[in-house]
Every structure is written in structure tokens, then in C-alpha cells.
């Protein structure tokens, strides 16, 4: 199930007037009910990847759609 999560701009600091963006994060179907998993959020230009253990505070990896497709293809074709 997809859920939108709001994320405050890192440029806002402690200011009240800031920008928040909603991403449609999806958890890996291989994760089951485990907490140690990966979530992805495709955007128009990129794919965002994060660790669910640090979903609200941890880093987000940003890759192009081409790189994401190449990564998934390599996973599917590896022995």
C-alpha cells in the first residue's frame, strides 16, 4: 500500500515558514512485515531510496530513472 509522507525542506532550518514535499513511498515487497527494508519513491525526474529504520531522519539516495532501471536489471540477472 502506498502512503504519502511529508518531508520538510532541509533548507528551512528551524523556521516555521518552510516548504514540505509529499513523496509516495513504497516498501519493497520482499520485506514482508520486517522493519529492515528499503522504500522507494519515484518522482518525475528521479527515484528516491531510503532505509525504513531512518525514514524520517535518515539520508535519501537520489538516482536517475536510467540508473535505477540498470540497478534493477542487474539484480534480476545476477546469479
C-alpha atoms as a PDB file:
ATOM      1  CA  UNK A   1       0.000   0.000   0.000  1.00  0.00           C
ATOM      2  CA  UNK A   2       1.363   3.400  -0.945  1.00  0.00           C
ATOM      3  CA  UNK A   3       1.340   6.217   1.553  1.00  0.00           C
ATOM      4  CA  UNK A   4       2.317   9.844   1.120  1.00  0.00           C
ATOM      5  CA  UNK A   5       4.801  11.113   3.661  1.00  0.00           C
ATOM      6  CA  UNK A   6       5.584  14.790   4.054  1.00  0.00           C
ATOM      7  CA  UNK A   7       9.211  15.857   4.274  1.00  0.00           C
ATOM      8  CA  UNK A   8      10.345  19.337   5.349  1.00  0.00           C
ATOM      9  CA  UNK A   9      12.923  21.042   3.161  1.00  0.00           C
ATOM     10  CA  UNK A  10      16.435  20.763   4.602  1.00  0.00           C
ATOM     11  CA  UNK A  11      16.925  24.433   3.723  1.00  0.00           C
ATOM     12  CA  UNK A  12      14.183  25.532   6.139  1.00  0.00           C
ATOM     13  CA  UNK A  13      16.193  25.074   9.337  1.00  0.00           C
ATOM     14  CA  UNK A  14      14.104  25.925  12.396  1.00  0.00           C
ATOM     15  CA  UNK A  15      11.882  28.362  10.528  1.00  0.00           C
ATOM     16  CA  UNK A  16       8.114  27.983  10.715  1.00  0.00           C
ATOM     17  CA  UNK A  17       7.568  29.104   7.135  1.00  0.00           C
ATOM     18  CA  UNK A  18       9.026  26.254   5.153  1.00  0.00           C
ATOM     19  CA  UNK A  19       8.331  24.032   2.192  1.00  0.00           C
ATOM     20  CA  UNK A  20       7.177  20.450   2.612  1.00  0.00           C
ATOM     21  CA  UNK A  21       7.031  17.892  -0.161  1.00  0.00           C
ATOM     22  CA  UNK A  22       4.974  14.695  -0.263  1.00  0.00           C
ATOM     23  CA  UNK A  23       6.505  11.575  -1.737  1.00  0.00           C
ATOM     24  CA  UNK A  24       4.635   8.385  -2.463  1.00  0.00           C
ATOM     25  CA  UNK A  25       6.940   5.914  -0.676  1.00  0.00           C
ATOM     26  CA  UNK A  26       6.575   2.196  -1.449  1.00  0.00           C
ATOM     27  CA  UNK A  27       8.107  -0.533   0.676  1.00  0.00           C
ATOM     28  CA  UNK A  28       9.860  -3.437  -1.022  1.00  0.00           C
ATOM     29  CA  UNK A  29       7.522  -6.407  -1.493  1.00  0.00           C
ATOM     30  CA  UNK A  30      10.390  -8.667  -0.369  1.00  0.00           C
ATOM     31  CA  UNK A  31      10.378  -7.073   3.087  1.00  0.00           C
ATOM     32  CA  UNK A  32       7.178  -8.660   4.386  1.00  0.00           C
ATOM     33  CA  UNK A  33       6.463  -7.365   7.891  1.00  0.00           C
ATOM     34  CA  UNK A  34      10.131  -6.796   8.729  1.00  0.00           C
ATOM     35  CA  UNK A  35      11.393  -3.386   9.797  1.00  0.00           C
ATOM     36  CA  UNK A  36      14.722  -3.688   7.982  1.00  0.00           C
ATOM     37  CA  UNK A  37      13.725  -2.793   4.470  1.00  0.00           C
ATOM     38  CA  UNK A  38      14.024  -0.300   1.656  1.00  0.00           C
ATOM     39  CA  UNK A  39      11.446   2.158   0.389  1.00  0.00           C
ATOM     40  CA  UNK A  40      11.425   3.909  -2.966  1.00  0.00           C
ATOM     41  CA  UNK A  41       9.560   6.977  -4.195  1.00  0.00           C
ATOM     42  CA  UNK A  42       9.604   7.619  -7.928  1.00  0.00           C
ATOM     43  CA  UNK A  43       9.371  11.277  -8.923  1.00  0.00           C
ATOM     44  CA  UNK A  44       9.154  12.846 -12.350  1.00  0.00           C
ATOM     45  CA  UNK A  45      12.941  13.118 -12.767  1.00  0.00           C
ATOM     46  CA  UNK A  46      14.439  10.765 -10.175  1.00  0.00           C
ATOM     47  CA  UNK A  47      13.902   7.786  -7.902  1.00  0.00           C
ATOM     48  CA  UNK A  48      14.369   8.325  -4.166  1.00  0.00           C
ATOM     49  CA  UNK A  49      15.593   5.449  -1.967  1.00  0.00           C
ATOM     50  CA  UNK A  50      15.660   5.288   1.839  1.00  0.00           C
ATOM     51  CA  UNK A  51      16.055   2.907   4.762  1.00  0.00           C
ATOM     52  CA  UNK A  52      12.810   2.421   6.692  1.00  0.00           C
ATOM     53  CA  UNK A  53      14.641   2.335  10.025  1.00  0.00           C
ATOM     54  CA  UNK A  54      15.500   6.012   9.490  1.00  0.00           C
ATOM     55  CA  UNK A  55      12.545   7.039   7.341  1.00  0.00           C
ATOM     56  CA  UNK A  56      12.012  10.461   8.859  1.00  0.00           C
ATOM     57  CA  UNK A  57      15.565  11.402   9.752  1.00  0.00           C
ATOM     58  CA  UNK A  58      17.971   9.413   7.638  1.00  0.00           C
ATOM     59  CA  UNK A  59      19.542  10.172   4.291  1.00  0.00           C
ATOM     60  CA  UNK A  60      17.772   9.709   0.977  1.00  0.00           C
ATOM     61  CA  UNK A  61      19.630   8.403  -2.053  1.00  0.00           C
ATOM     62  CA  UNK A  62      18.575  10.111  -5.291  1.00  0.00           C
ATOM     63  CA  UNK A  63      19.202   8.359  -8.613  1.00  0.00           C
ATOM     64  CA  UNK A  64      18.053   8.862 -12.177  1.00  0.00           C
ATOM     65  CA  UNK A  65      15.422   6.564 -13.670  1.00  0.00           C
ATOM     66  CA  UNK A  66      18.094   5.178 -16.011  1.00  0.00           C
ATOM     67  CA  UNK A  67      20.402   4.256 -13.125  1.00  0.00           C
ATOM     68  CA  UNK A  68      17.520   2.746 -11.133  1.00  0.00           C
ATOM     69  CA  UNK A  69      16.480   0.590 -14.110  1.00  0.00           C
ATOM     70  CA  UNK A  70      20.080  -0.521 -14.621  1.00  0.00           C
ATOM     71  CA  UNK A  71      20.338  -1.440 -10.926  1.00  0.00           C
ATOM     72  CA  UNK A  72      17.109  -3.479 -11.001  1.00  0.00           C
ATOM     73  CA  UNK A  73      18.145  -5.234 -14.205  1.00  0.00           C
ATOM     74  CA  UNK A  74      21.478  -6.195 -12.633  1.00  0.00           C
ATOM     75  CA  UNK A  75      19.656  -7.628  -9.596  1.00  0.00           C
ATOM     76  CA  UNK A  76      17.309  -9.686 -11.739  1.00  0.00           C
ATOM     77  CA  UNK A  77      20.081 -11.098 -13.940  1.00  0.00           C
ATOM     78  CA  UNK A  78      22.667 -11.829 -11.237  1.00  0.00           C
ATOM     79  CA  UNK A  79      23.176 -15.476 -10.230  1.00  0.00           C
END
